[in-house]
Amino acid sequence: MKLTMVISKGKEFFIGAIKEIPAVLTQWETIEETKQNVLDALELYLKDNDLLLLLFFFKMKVSIRYS
C-alpha cells in the first residue's frame, strides 16, 4: 500500500493531506509539524477504520510532496 502525503502552503498555515484518503487532512505552522500531524491523523483514521493491522502485514510507504 502506497500513500502520498501532500503538503501545500496556505495563506497562514501549511496544509497537509493524504492524497488517497481525503478524510486525512490537517494544518499547522511549520512543514515538520504539519507532517507529524498528518501521520497522527492517518494513524487515528486507520484505528478508527480497523485498518491499523495493515501496517503490520504490508510495508506502508508514505511519500511526501511539497507544493
Protein backbone atom coordinates (compact mmCIF):
# COMPACT_ATOMS: atom_id res chain seq x y z
CA MET A 1 0.00 0.00 0.00
CA LYS A 2 1.48 3.33 -1.03
CA LEU A 3 0.11 6.60 0.30
CA THR A 4 1.07 10.09 -0.80
CA MET A 5 1.35 12.91 1.72
CA VAL A 6 0.82 16.32 0.13
CA ILE A 7 1.81 19.49 1.98
CA SER A 8 0.96 22.87 0.49
CA LYS A 9 1.37 26.43 1.74
CA GLY A 10 -1.86 28.24 2.58
CA LYS A 11 -2.20 31.91 3.49
CA GLU A 12 -1.23 31.40 7.13
CA PHE A 13 -0.53 27.69 7.58
CA PHE A 14 0.82 24.63 5.80
CA ILE A 15 -1.95 22.23 4.81
CA GLY A 16 -1.25 18.52 4.87
CA ALA A 17 -3.28 15.65 3.49
CA ILE A 18 -3.10 12.07 2.32
CA LYS A 19 -3.97 12.09 -1.38
CA GLU A 20 -5.57 8.64 -1.35
CA ILE A 21 -7.61 9.27 1.83
CA PRO A 22 -9.38 12.67 1.66
CA ALA A 23 -10.55 12.34 5.29
CA VAL A 24 -6.94 12.72 6.48
CA LEU A 25 -6.41 16.47 6.42
CA THR A 26 -4.67 18.86 8.82
CA GLN A 27 -2.82 22.16 9.04
CA TRP A 28 -0.05 23.70 11.12
CA GLU A 29 2.53 26.48 11.20
CA THR A 30 5.61 24.54 10.02
CA ILE A 31 6.20 21.79 7.48
CA GLU A 32 7.60 19.40 10.11
CA GLU A 33 4.65 19.91 12.46
CA THR A 34 2.22 19.53 9.57
CA LYS A 35 3.95 16.31 8.51
CA GLN A 36 3.69 14.90 12.04
CA ASN A 37 0.03 15.95 12.29
CA VAL A 38 -0.76 14.19 9.02
CA LEU A 39 0.89 11.00 10.30
CA ASP A 40 -1.06 11.29 13.57
CA ALA A 41 -4.31 11.88 11.68
CA LEU A 42 -3.56 8.88 9.45
CA GLU A 43 -2.98 6.68 12.49
CA LEU A 44 -6.29 7.81 14.03
CA TYR A 45 -8.09 7.22 10.72
CA LEU A 46 -6.65 3.72 10.42
CA LYS A 47 -7.51 2.88 14.03
CA ASP A 48 -11.00 4.24 13.56
CA ASN A 49 -11.48 2.09 10.47
CA ASP A 50 -9.79 -1.04 11.87
CA LEU A 51 -7.07 -0.76 9.23
CA LEU A 52 -4.12 -0.35 11.58
CA LEU A 53 -3.38 -4.07 11.27
CA LEU A 54 -2.46 -3.48 7.63
CA LEU A 55 0.62 -1.67 8.87
CA PHE A 56 1.89 -4.93 10.32
CA PHE A 57 1.18 -7.04 7.23
CA PHE A 58 2.22 -4.63 4.49
CA LYS A 59 5.05 -2.17 4.31
CA MET A 60 3.34 1.17 4.09
CA LYS A 61 5.33 3.76 2.20
CA VAL A 62 4.45 7.40 2.54
CA SER A 63 5.99 9.71 0.01
CA ILE A 64 5.95 13.43 0.70
CA ARG A 65 5.41 16.12 -1.92
CA TYR A 66 5.60 19.83 -1.15
CA SER A 67 3.78 22.32 -3.31
